[in-house]
């Protein structure tokens, strides 16, 4: 049994931390809204702390799943940040989707303090977190990853080190780029099907068994046809992620014309009041356009 800390109890972090406690580890949680941490302890056991520093005290591994670059800095740095409470040799595992820039920055500061830092963004959505079936893409020192991998496997379907610090975040960007195109393609296919007077469910039943099949198609087409967009990853967060992708592409010279276009389509969804709708709401945008 290891002493662990988990910082951030959103739709992903809450069940992920629960899996760690259920596996027999001693977990202390921190959440900016203390009531959420109290609810987690009431449900799962363990402990909660009033700040990241106290949560991280004496923990062998500190996991974080927060909102963005600034949120990650706030839980890591400063007198109440996790780094101030961690002991040399302990590992910080960041599950947040953030820029590679902040990852490199915090990796360097952790190393200077004698700490290990692994960027380990996840894919699989809320359902993957709840079922312990996440894809975890990691960057960082090989030795640090080897130490953390047995812990990460508790809520992973696959967990792999891609390369040095920042490689996990770059891989997550590739993931979001691929999803953006897939969801727009599925939305257009369903829109075309409706305009052609066909039954969308019949069409998907057939085409999902061939080359057009995807996770998005299998898991989202019915809710899309039912005009139900309350399933997992929100448009606001997708736009944050795509902004990171496009900014990084400007730096490395990658051409992302489809990603840039879909990002603008998500902006349209936000203007429709759909910032908290899930990413499959691109279909709702097409329905509105007629």
C-alpha atoms as a PDB file:
ATOM      1  CA  UNK A   1       0.000   0.000   0.000  1.00  0.00           C
ATOM      2  CA  UNK A   2       1.343   3.417  -0.972  1.00  0.00           C
ATOM      3  CA  UNK A   3       0.556   6.824   0.435  1.00  0.00           C
ATOM      4  CA  UNK A   4      -0.972   8.850  -2.413  1.00  0.00           C
ATOM      5  CA  UNK A   5      -2.491  12.270  -2.997  1.00  0.00           C
ATOM      6  CA  UNK A   6      -4.984  13.252  -5.670  1.00  0.00           C
ATOM      7  CA  UNK A   7      -5.535  16.924  -6.535  1.00  0.00           C
ATOM      8  CA  UNK A   8      -8.694  17.822  -8.442  1.00  0.00           C
ATOM      9  CA  UNK A   9     -11.978  15.950  -8.123  1.00  0.00           C
ATOM     10  CA  UNK A  10     -13.827  16.833 -11.304  1.00  0.00           C
ATOM     11  CA  UNK A  11     -15.699  14.356 -13.497  1.00  0.00           C
ATOM     12  CA  UNK A  12     -12.404  12.568 -14.214  1.00  0.00           C
ATOM     13  CA  UNK A  13     -10.439  12.959 -10.996  1.00  0.00           C
ATOM     14  CA  UNK A  14     -13.250  11.946  -8.634  1.00  0.00           C
ATOM     15  CA  UNK A  15     -13.569   8.358  -9.948  1.00  0.00           C
ATOM     16  CA  UNK A  16      -9.832   8.018 -10.653  1.00  0.00           C
ATOM     17  CA  UNK A  17      -9.021   8.801  -7.031  1.00  0.00           C
ATOM     18  CA  UNK A  18     -11.737   6.364  -6.004  1.00  0.00           C
ATOM     19  CA  UNK A  19     -10.050   3.543  -7.907  1.00  0.00           C
ATOM     20  CA  UNK A  20      -6.791   4.218  -6.059  1.00  0.00           C
ATOM     21  CA  UNK A  21      -8.490   4.049  -2.671  1.00  0.00           C
ATOM     22  CA  UNK A  22     -10.407   0.910  -3.661  1.00  0.00           C
ATOM     23  CA  UNK A  23      -7.110  -0.741  -4.633  1.00  0.00           C
ATOM     24  CA  UNK A  24      -5.977  -0.444  -1.027  1.00  0.00           C
ATOM     25  CA  UNK A  25      -3.853   2.705  -1.155  1.00  0.00           C
ATOM     26  CA  UNK A  26      -3.964   5.457   1.449  1.00  0.00           C
ATOM     27  CA  UNK A  27      -5.319   8.420  -0.531  1.00  0.00           C
ATOM     28  CA  UNK A  28      -5.560  12.034   0.586  1.00  0.00           C
ATOM     29  CA  UNK A  29      -7.536  14.285  -1.769  1.00  0.00           C
ATOM     30  CA  UNK A  30      -7.674  18.013  -2.359  1.00  0.00           C
ATOM     31  CA  UNK A  31     -10.276  19.949  -4.299  1.00  0.00           C
ATOM     32  CA  UNK A  32     -10.682  23.695  -4.674  1.00  0.00           C
ATOM     33  CA  UNK A  33     -14.308  23.297  -3.563  1.00  0.00           C
ATOM     34  CA  UNK A  34     -13.900  21.566  -0.209  1.00  0.00           C
ATOM     35  CA  UNK A  35     -17.435  20.138  -0.245  1.00  0.00           C
ATOM     36  CA  UNK A  36     -16.478  17.896  -3.158  1.00  0.00           C
ATOM     37  CA  UNK A  37     -13.503  16.526  -1.212  1.00  0.00           C
ATOM     38  CA  UNK A  38     -15.717  15.902   1.810  1.00  0.00           C
ATOM     39  CA  UNK A  39     -18.227  14.043  -0.369  1.00  0.00           C
ATOM     40  CA  UNK A  40     -15.423  11.917  -1.852  1.00  0.00           C
ATOM     41  CA  UNK A  41     -14.195  10.905   1.617  1.00  0.00           C
ATOM     42  CA  UNK A  42     -17.737  10.076   2.699  1.00  0.00           C
ATOM     43  CA  UNK A  43     -18.093   7.799  -0.328  1.00  0.00           C
ATOM     44  CA  UNK A  44     -14.632   6.245  -0.583  1.00  0.00           C
ATOM     45  CA  UNK A  45     -12.888   6.709   2.746  1.00  0.00           C
ATOM     46  CA  UNK A  46      -9.397   8.158   2.872  1.00  0.00           C
ATOM     47  CA  UNK A  47      -8.699  11.730   3.891  1.00  0.00           C
ATOM     48  CA  UNK A  48      -8.907  15.255   2.511  1.00  0.00           C
ATOM     49  CA  UNK A  49      -6.650  18.245   3.038  1.00  0.00           C
ATOM     50  CA  UNK A  50      -7.234  22.010   2.897  1.00  0.00           C
ATOM     51  CA  UNK A  51      -4.406  22.699   0.434  1.00  0.00           C
ATOM     52  CA  UNK A  52      -2.214  20.792  -2.048  1.00  0.00           C
ATOM     53  CA  UNK A  53       0.848  21.050   0.206  1.00  0.00           C
ATOM     54  CA  UNK A  54      -0.856  19.227   3.060  1.00  0.00           C
ATOM     55  CA  UNK A  55      -2.388  16.628   0.731  1.00  0.00           C
ATOM     56  CA  UNK A  56       1.034  15.895  -0.775  1.00  0.00           C
ATOM     57  CA  UNK A  57       2.912  15.653   2.542  1.00  0.00           C
ATOM     58  CA  UNK A  58       4.798  12.333   2.707  1.00  0.00           C
ATOM     59  CA  UNK A  59       2.998  10.967  -0.377  1.00  0.00           C
ATOM     60  CA  UNK A  60       5.032   8.734  -2.669  1.00  0.00           C
ATOM     61  CA  UNK A  61       2.901   9.765  -5.648  1.00  0.00           C
ATOM     62  CA  UNK A  62       0.846  12.906  -6.147  1.00  0.00           C
ATOM     63  CA  UNK A  63      -1.683  12.830  -8.990  1.00  0.00           C
ATOM     64  CA  UNK A  64      -3.375  15.928 -10.391  1.00  0.00           C
ATOM     65  CA  UNK A  65      -6.293  16.377 -12.764  1.00  0.00           C
ATOM     66  CA  UNK A  66      -7.257  20.051 -12.876  1.00  0.00           C
ATOM     67  CA  UNK A  67      -8.421  22.498 -15.531  1.00  0.00           C
ATOM     68  CA  UNK A  68      -5.655  24.281 -17.404  1.00  0.00           C
ATOM     69  CA  UNK A  69      -2.080  25.603 -17.267  1.00  0.00           C
ATOM     70  CA  UNK A  70      -2.818  28.189 -14.582  1.00  0.00           C
ATOM     71  CA  UNK A  71      -4.731  25.689 -12.436  1.00  0.00           C
ATOM     72  CA  UNK A  72      -1.825  23.258 -12.651  1.00  0.00           C
ATOM     73  CA  UNK A  73       0.705  25.904 -11.638  1.00  0.00           C
ATOM     74  CA  UNK A  74      -1.498  26.882  -8.693  1.00  0.00           C
ATOM     75  CA  UNK A  75      -1.617  23.348  -7.261  1.00  0.00           C
ATOM     76  CA  UNK A  76       2.103  22.762  -7.819  1.00  0.00           C
ATOM     77  CA  UNK A  77       3.799  26.006  -6.857  1.00  0.00           C
ATOM     78  CA  UNK A  78       3.862  28.488  -4.010  1.00  0.00           C
ATOM     79  CA  UNK A  79       3.904  27.983  -0.246  1.00  0.00           C
ATOM     80  CA  UNK A  80       0.687  25.933  -0.328  1.00  0.00           C
ATOM     81  CA  UNK A  81       1.524  24.069  -3.540  1.00  0.00           C
ATOM     82  CA  UNK A  82       2.194  20.349  -3.744  1.00  0.00           C
ATOM     83  CA  UNK A  83       5.907  20.742  -4.472  1.00  0.00           C
ATOM     84  CA  UNK A  84       6.331  22.475  -1.091  1.00  0.00           C
ATOM     85  CA  UNK A  85       4.950  19.442   0.722  1.00  0.00           C
ATOM     86  CA  UNK A  86       6.565  16.628  -1.255  1.00  0.00           C
ATOM     87  CA  UNK A  87       9.685  14.836  -0.084  1.00  0.00           C
ATOM     88  CA  UNK A  88      12.690  14.355  -2.402  1.00  0.00           C
ATOM     89  CA  UNK A  89      12.248  11.296  -4.608  1.00  0.00           C
ATOM     90  CA  UNK A  90       8.447  11.531  -4.650  1.00  0.00           C
ATOM     91  CA  UNK A  91       6.637  11.619  -7.992  1.00  0.00           C
ATOM     92  CA  UNK A  92       4.132  14.149  -9.344  1.00  0.00           C
ATOM     93  CA  UNK A  93       1.883  12.702 -12.070  1.00  0.00           C
ATOM     94  CA  UNK A  94      -0.078  15.259 -14.061  1.00  0.00           C
ATOM     95  CA  UNK A  95      -3.246  13.956 -15.723  1.00  0.00           C
ATOM     96  CA  UNK A  96      -4.369  17.440 -16.815  1.00  0.00           C
ATOM     97  CA  UNK A  97      -4.405  18.305 -20.516  1.00  0.00           C
ATOM     98  CA  UNK A  98      -2.099  21.321 -20.641  1.00  0.00           C
ATOM     99  CA  UNK A  99       0.534  22.847 -22.899  1.00  0.00           C
ATOM    100  CA  UNK A 100       3.911  21.197 -23.324  1.00  0.00           C
ATOM    101  CA  UNK A 101       5.361  24.573 -22.285  1.00  0.00           C
ATOM    102  CA  UNK A 102       3.992  24.406 -18.734  1.00  0.00           C
ATOM    103  CA  UNK A 103       4.964  20.732 -18.566  1.00  0.00           C
ATOM    104  CA  UNK A 104       8.598  21.553 -19.345  1.00  0.00           C
ATOM    105  CA  UNK A 105       8.502  24.408 -16.836  1.00  0.00           C
ATOM    106  CA  UNK A 106       7.170  22.267 -13.983  1.00  0.00           C
ATOM    107  CA  UNK A 107       9.377  19.295 -14.883  1.00  0.00           C
ATOM    108  CA  UNK A 108      12.427  21.544 -14.482  1.00  0.00           C
ATOM    109  CA  UNK A 109      11.236  22.974 -11.168  1.00  0.00           C
ATOM    110  CA  UNK A 110      10.402  19.519  -9.843  1.00  0.00           C
ATOM    111  CA  UNK A 111      13.805  18.185 -10.835  1.00  0.00           C
ATOM    112  CA  UNK A 112      15.515  21.107  -9.095  1.00  0.00           C
ATOM    113  CA  UNK A 113      13.592  20.182  -5.931  1.00  0.00           C
ATOM    114  CA  UNK A 114      14.608  16.534  -6.175  1.00  0.00           C
ATOM    115  CA  UNK A 115      11.164  15.427  -7.347  1.00  0.00           C
ATOM    116  CA  UNK A 116      10.007  13.361 -10.304  1.00  0.00           C
ATOM    117  CA  UNK A 117       7.467  14.813 -12.755  1.00  0.00           C
ATOM    118  CA  UNK A 118       5.482  12.822 -15.310  1.00  0.00           C
ATOM    119  CA  UNK A 119       3.033  14.322 -17.787  1.00  0.00           C
ATOM    120  CA  UNK A 120       0.282  11.729 -18.149  1.00  0.00           C
ATOM    121  CA  UNK A 121      -2.850  13.110 -19.847  1.00  0.00           C
ATOM    122  CA  UNK A 122      -5.706  10.665 -20.297  1.00  0.00           C
ATOM    123  CA  UNK A 123      -8.270   9.737 -22.913  1.00  0.00           C
ATOM    124  CA  UNK A 124     -11.498   7.815 -22.500  1.00  0.00           C
ATOM    125  CA  UNK A 125     -13.820  10.421 -21.034  1.00  0.00           C
ATOM    126  CA  UNK A 126     -15.936  10.204 -17.928  1.00  0.00           C
ATOM    127  CA  UNK A 127     -16.990   6.639 -18.689  1.00  0.00           C
ATOM    128  CA  UNK A 128     -13.362   5.560 -19.006  1.00  0.00           C
ATOM    129  CA  UNK A 129     -12.518   7.172 -15.679  1.00  0.00           C
ATOM    130  CA  UNK A 130     -15.478   5.549 -13.939  1.00  0.00           C
ATOM    131  CA  UNK A 131     -14.725   2.122 -15.406  1.00  0.00           C
ATOM    132  CA  UNK A 132     -10.963   2.329 -14.908  1.00  0.00           C
ATOM    133  CA  UNK A 133     -10.386   2.012 -18.650  1.00  0.00           C
ATOM    134  CA  UNK A 134      -8.398   5.113 -19.576  1.00  0.00           C
ATOM    135  CA  UNK A 135      -5.693   5.510 -22.169  1.00  0.00           C
ATOM    136  CA  UNK A 136      -2.725   7.159 -20.435  1.00  0.00           C
ATOM    137  CA  UNK A 137       0.016   8.714 -22.563  1.00  0.00           C
ATOM    138  CA  UNK A 138       3.131   9.608 -20.620  1.00  0.00           C
ATOM    139  CA  UNK A 139       6.214  11.747 -20.924  1.00  0.00           C
ATOM    140  CA  UNK A 140       9.127  11.989 -18.537  1.00  0.00           C
ATOM    141  CA  UNK A 141      12.174  10.112 -17.324  1.00  0.00           C
ATOM    142  CA  UNK A 142      12.058   6.364 -17.911  1.00  0.00           C
ATOM    143  CA  UNK A 143      12.882   5.578 -14.278  1.00  0.00           C
ATOM    144  CA  UNK A 144      10.089   7.825 -13.014  1.00  0.00           C
ATOM    145  CA  UNK A 145       7.576   6.219 -15.349  1.00  0.00           C
ATOM    146  CA  UNK A 146       8.625   2.699 -14.337  1.00  0.00           C
ATOM    147  CA  UNK A 147       7.980   3.568 -10.693  1.00  0.00           C
ATOM    148  CA  UNK A 148       4.575   5.132 -11.385  1.00  0.00           C
ATOM    149  CA  UNK A 149       3.250   2.635 -13.929  1.00  0.00           C
ATOM    150  CA  UNK A 150       1.904   0.064 -11.417  1.00  0.00           C
ATOM    151  CA  UNK A 151      -0.164   2.813  -9.789  1.00  0.00           C
ATOM    152  CA  UNK A 152      -1.421   4.169 -13.120  1.00  0.00           C
ATOM    153  CA  UNK A 153      -2.460   0.710 -14.280  1.00  0.00           C
ATOM    154  CA  UNK A 154      -5.185   0.769 -11.615  1.00  0.00           C
ATOM    155  CA  UNK A 155      -7.360   2.975 -13.840  1.00  0.00           C
ATOM    156  CA  UNK A 156      -5.763   2.313 -17.230  1.00  0.00           C
ATOM    157  CA  UNK A 157      -6.772   0.336 -20.249  1.00  0.00           C
ATOM    158  CA  UNK A 158      -3.359   1.141 -21.701  1.00  0.00           C
ATOM    159  CA  UNK A 159      -0.516   3.109 -20.147  1.00  0.00           C
ATOM    160  CA  UNK A 160       2.590   3.869 -22.172  1.00  0.00           C
ATOM    161  CA  UNK A 161       5.629   6.131 -21.979  1.00  0.00           C
ATOM    162  CA  UNK A 162       5.927   7.926 -25.318  1.00  0.00           C
ATOM    163  CA  UNK A 163       9.150   9.830 -24.661  1.00  0.00           C
ATOM    164  CA  UNK A 164      10.799  12.553 -22.627  1.00  0.00           C
ATOM    165  CA  UNK A 165       9.013  15.309 -20.704  1.00  0.00           C
ATOM    166  CA  UNK A 166       6.189  16.817 -22.778  1.00  0.00           C
ATOM    167  CA  UNK A 167       5.715  13.764 -25.000  1.00  0.00           C
ATOM    168  CA  UNK A 168       2.541  12.784 -23.176  1.00  0.00           C
ATOM    169  CA  UNK A 169       0.985  16.190 -23.766  1.00  0.00           C
ATOM    170  CA  UNK A 170       1.993  16.171 -27.435  1.00  0.00           C
ATOM    171  CA  UNK A 171       0.372  12.740 -27.799  1.00  0.00           C
ATOM    172  CA  UNK A 172      -2.813  14.049 -26.175  1.00  0.00           C
ATOM    173  CA  UNK A 173      -2.832  16.859 -28.739  1.00  0.00           C
ATOM    174  CA  UNK A 174      -2.705  14.264 -31.518  1.00  0.00           C
ATOM    175  CA  UNK A 175      -5.621  12.493 -29.809  1.00  0.00           C
ATOM    176  CA  UNK A 176      -7.743  15.656 -29.753  1.00  0.00           C
ATOM    177  CA  UNK A 177      -6.868  16.481 -33.364  1.00  0.00           C
ATOM    178  CA  UNK A 178      -8.073  13.035 -34.429  1.00  0.00           C
ATOM    179  CA  UNK A 179     -11.281  13.276 -32.373  1.00  0.00           C
ATOM    180  CA  UNK A 180     -12.175  16.684 -33.805  1.00  0.00           C
ATOM    181  CA  UNK A 181     -12.128  15.362 -37.354  1.00  0.00           C
ATOM    182  CA  UNK A 182     -13.943  12.151 -36.439  1.00  0.00           C
ATOM    183  CA  UNK A 183     -16.812  13.898 -34.673  1.00  0.00           C
ATOM    184  CA  UNK A 184     -17.285  16.394 -37.481  1.00  0.00           C
ATOM    185  CA  UNK A 185     -17.261  13.558 -40.034  1.00  0.00           C
ATOM    186  CA  UNK A 186     -19.834  11.587 -38.047  1.00  0.00           C
ATOM    187  CA  UNK A 187     -21.988  14.693 -37.640  1.00  0.00           C
ATOM    188  CA  UNK A 188     -21.924  15.348 -41.380  1.00  0.00           C
ATOM    189  CA  UNK A 189     -22.761  11.703 -42.130  1.00  0.00           C
ATOM    190  CA  UNK A 190     -25.804  11.796 -39.844  1.00  0.00           C
ATOM    191  CA  UNK A 191     -26.853  15.181 -41.241  1.00  0.00           C
ATOM    192  CA  UNK A 192     -26.595  13.858 -44.781  1.00  0.00           C
ATOM    193  CA  UNK A 193     -28.568  10.760 -43.788  1.00  0.00           C
ATOM    194  CA  UNK A 194     -31.420  12.863 -42.404  1.00  0.00           C
ATOM    195  CA  UNK A 195     -31.481  15.085 -45.475  1.00  0.00           C
ATOM    196  CA  UNK A 196     -31.622  11.983 -47.667  1.00  0.00           C
ATOM    197  CA  UNK A 197     -34.683  10.706 -45.784  1.00  0.00           C
ATOM    198  CA  UNK A 198     -32.938   7.622 -44.400  1.00  0.00           C
ATOM    199  CA  UNK A 199     -33.171   6.104 -40.936  1.00  0.00           C
ATOM    200  CA  UNK A 200     -29.947   7.081 -39.191  1.00  0.00           C
ATOM    201  CA  UNK A 201     -29.950   4.048 -36.942  1.00  0.00           C
ATOM    202  CA  UNK A 202     -30.254   1.663 -39.861  1.00  0.00           C
ATOM    203  CA  UNK A 203     -27.477   3.442 -41.719  1.00  0.00           C
ATOM    204  CA  UNK A 204     -25.066   3.405 -38.755  1.00  0.00           C
ATOM    205  CA  UNK A 205     -25.817  -0.248 -38.006  1.00  0.00           C
ATOM    206  CA  UNK A 206     -24.431  -1.087 -41.437  1.00  0.00           C
ATOM    207  CA  UNK A 207     -21.590   1.397 -41.929  1.00  0.00           C
ATOM    208  CA  UNK A 208     -20.224   0.990 -38.399  1.00  0.00           C
ATOM    209  CA  UNK A 209     -19.231  -2.568 -39.307  1.00  0.00           C
ATOM    210  CA  UNK A 210     -16.951  -1.383 -42.110  1.00  0.00           C
ATOM    211  CA  UNK A 211     -14.131   1.081 -42.597  1.00  0.00           C
ATOM    212  CA  UNK A 212     -16.241   4.000 -41.320  1.00  0.00           C
ATOM    213  CA  UNK A 213     -16.558   2.503 -37.843  1.00  0.00           C
ATOM    214  CA  UNK A 214     -15.084   4.314 -34.826  1.00  0.00           C
ATOM    215  CA  UNK A 215     -15.528   4.659 -31.079  1.00  0.00           C
ATOM    216  CA  UNK A 216     -17.380   7.909 -31.651  1.00  0.00           C
ATOM    217  CA  UNK A 217     -19.770   6.237 -34.052  1.00  0.00           C
ATOM    218  CA  UNK A 218     -20.484   3.270 -31.798  1.00  0.00           C
ATOM    219  CA  UNK A 219     -20.910   5.286 -28.610  1.00  0.00           C
ATOM    220  CA  UNK A 220     -22.432   8.594 -29.715  1.00  0.00           C
ATOM    221  CA  UNK A 221     -24.642   8.189 -32.770  1.00  0.00           C
ATOM    222  CA  UNK A 222     -27.797   7.269 -30.830  1.00  0.00           C
ATOM    223  CA  UNK A 223     -27.507  10.167 -28.390  1.00  0.00           C
ATOM    224  CA  UNK A 224     -26.773  12.513 -31.292  1.00  0.00           C
ATOM    225  CA  UNK A 225     -29.913  11.413 -33.121  1.00  0.00           C
ATOM    226  CA  UNK A 226     -31.878  11.817 -29.876  1.00  0.00           C
ATOM    227  CA  UNK A 227     -30.604  15.415 -29.509  1.00  0.00           C
ATOM    228  CA  UNK A 228     -28.975  14.432 -26.207  1.00  0.00           C
ATOM    229  CA  UNK A 229     -25.626  16.114 -25.593  1.00  0.00           C
ATOM    230  CA  UNK A 230     -24.987  15.587 -21.907  1.00  0.00           C
ATOM    231  CA  UNK A 231     -22.350  12.868 -22.201  1.00  0.00           C
ATOM    232  CA  UNK A 232     -18.855  13.572 -20.986  1.00  0.00           C
ATOM    233  CA  UNK A 233     -16.279  15.970 -22.386  1.00  0.00           C
ATOM    234  CA  UNK A 234     -17.633  19.499 -22.808  1.00  0.00           C
ATOM    235  CA  UNK A 235     -17.218  21.834 -25.763  1.00  0.00           C
ATOM    236  CA  UNK A 236     -15.570  24.479 -23.555  1.00  0.00           C
ATOM    237  CA  UNK A 237     -12.831  22.023 -22.637  1.00  0.00           C
ATOM    238  CA  UNK A 238     -12.446  20.816 -26.213  1.00  0.00           C
ATOM    239  CA  UNK A 239     -11.881  24.377 -27.394  1.00  0.00           C
ATOM    240  CA  UNK A 240      -9.242  24.807 -24.681  1.00  0.00           C
ATOM    241  CA  UNK A 241      -7.500  21.665 -25.926  1.00  0.00           C
ATOM    242  CA  UNK A 242      -7.753  22.568 -29.608  1.00  0.00           C
ATOM    243  CA  UNK A 243      -6.331  25.994 -28.806  1.00  0.00           C
ATOM    244  CA  UNK A 244      -3.276  24.243 -27.364  1.00  0.00           C
ATOM    245  CA  UNK A 245      -3.043  22.057 -30.476  1.00  0.00           C
ATOM    246  CA  UNK A 246      -3.230  25.013 -32.869  1.00  0.00           C
ATOM    247  CA  UNK A 247      -0.740  27.079 -30.866  1.00  0.00           C
ATOM    248  CA  UNK A 248       1.718  24.185 -30.814  1.00  0.00           C
ATOM    249  CA  UNK A 249       1.231  23.640 -34.549  1.00  0.00           C
ATOM    250  CA  UNK A 250       2.175  27.273 -35.133  1.00  0.00           C
ATOM    251  CA  UNK A 251       5.406  26.581 -33.264  1.00  0.00           C
ATOM    252  CA  UNK A 252       6.349  23.274 -34.911  1.00  0.00           C
ATOM    253  CA  UNK A 253       5.094  24.005 -38.422  1.00  0.00           C
ATOM    254  CA  UNK A 254       2.341  21.380 -38.554  1.00  0.00           C
ATOM    255  CA  UNK A 255      -0.586  22.097 -40.893  1.00  0.00           C
ATOM    256  CA  UNK A 256      -3.957  21.563 -39.189  1.00  0.00           C
ATOM    257  CA  UNK A 257      -6.625  22.999 -41.515  1.00  0.00           C
ATOM    258  CA  UNK A 258      -9.401  20.610 -40.460  1.00  0.00           C
ATOM    259  CA  UNK A 259      -8.666  21.121 -36.772  1.00  0.00           C
ATOM    260  CA  UNK A 260      -8.775  24.905 -37.200  1.00  0.00           C
ATOM    261  CA  UNK A 261     -12.118  24.653 -39.016  1.00  0.00           C
ATOM    262  CA  UNK A 262     -13.687  22.342 -36.429  1.00  0.00           C
ATOM    263  CA  UNK A 263     -12.482  24.644 -33.665  1.00  0.00           C
ATOM    264  CA  UNK A 264     -14.534  27.421 -35.286  1.00  0.00           C
ATOM    265  CA  UNK A 265     -17.538  25.083 -35.492  1.00  0.00           C
ATOM    266  CA  UNK A 266     -17.220  24.502 -31.745  1.00  0.00           C
ATOM    267  CA  UNK A 267     -17.129  28.274 -31.324  1.00  0.00           C
ATOM    268  CA  UNK A 268     -20.494  28.340 -33.109  1.00  0.00           C
ATOM    269  CA  UNK A 269     -21.789  25.749 -30.631  1.00  0.00           C
ATOM    270  CA  UNK A 270     -20.677  27.955 -27.748  1.00  0.00           C
ATOM    271  CA  UNK A 271     -22.602  30.863 -29.299  1.00  0.00           C
ATOM    272  CA  UNK A 272     -25.660  28.575 -29.332  1.00  0.00           C
ATOM    273  CA  UNK A 273     -25.291  28.243 -25.554  1.00  0.00           C
ATOM    274  CA  UNK A 274     -23.692  24.828 -25.801  1.00  0.00           C
ATOM    275  CA  UNK A 275     -20.417  25.330 -23.988  1.00  0.00           C
ATOM    276  CA  UNK A 276     -21.288  22.544 -21.550  1.00  0.00           C
ATOM    277  CA  UNK A 277     -22.733  20.222 -24.194  1.00  0.00           C
ATOM    278  CA  UNK A 278     -20.515  17.274 -25.098  1.00  0.00           C
ATOM    279  CA  UNK A 279     -18.343  17.334 -28.197  1.00  0.00           C
ATOM    280  CA  UNK A 280     -20.845  15.426 -30.351  1.00  0.00           C
ATOM    281  CA  UNK A 281     -22.974  18.588 -30.372  1.00  0.00           C
ATOM    282  CA  UNK A 282     -21.364  19.484 -33.693  1.00  0.00           C
ATOM    283  CA  UNK A 283     -24.368  17.584 -35.076  1.00  0.00           C
ATOM    284  CA  UNK A 284     -26.761  19.985 -33.325  1.00  0.00           C
ATOM    285  CA  UNK A 285     -25.012  22.851 -35.103  1.00  0.00           C
ATOM    286  CA  UNK A 286     -25.679  21.230 -38.486  1.00  0.00           C
ATOM    287  CA  UNK A 287     -29.322  20.615 -37.602  1.00  0.00           C
ATOM    288  CA  UNK A 288     -29.677  24.294 -36.719  1.00  0.00           C
ATOM    289  CA  UNK A 289     -28.158  25.316 -40.047  1.00  0.00           C
ATOM    290  CA  UNK A 290     -30.830  23.223 -41.723  1.00  0.00           C
END
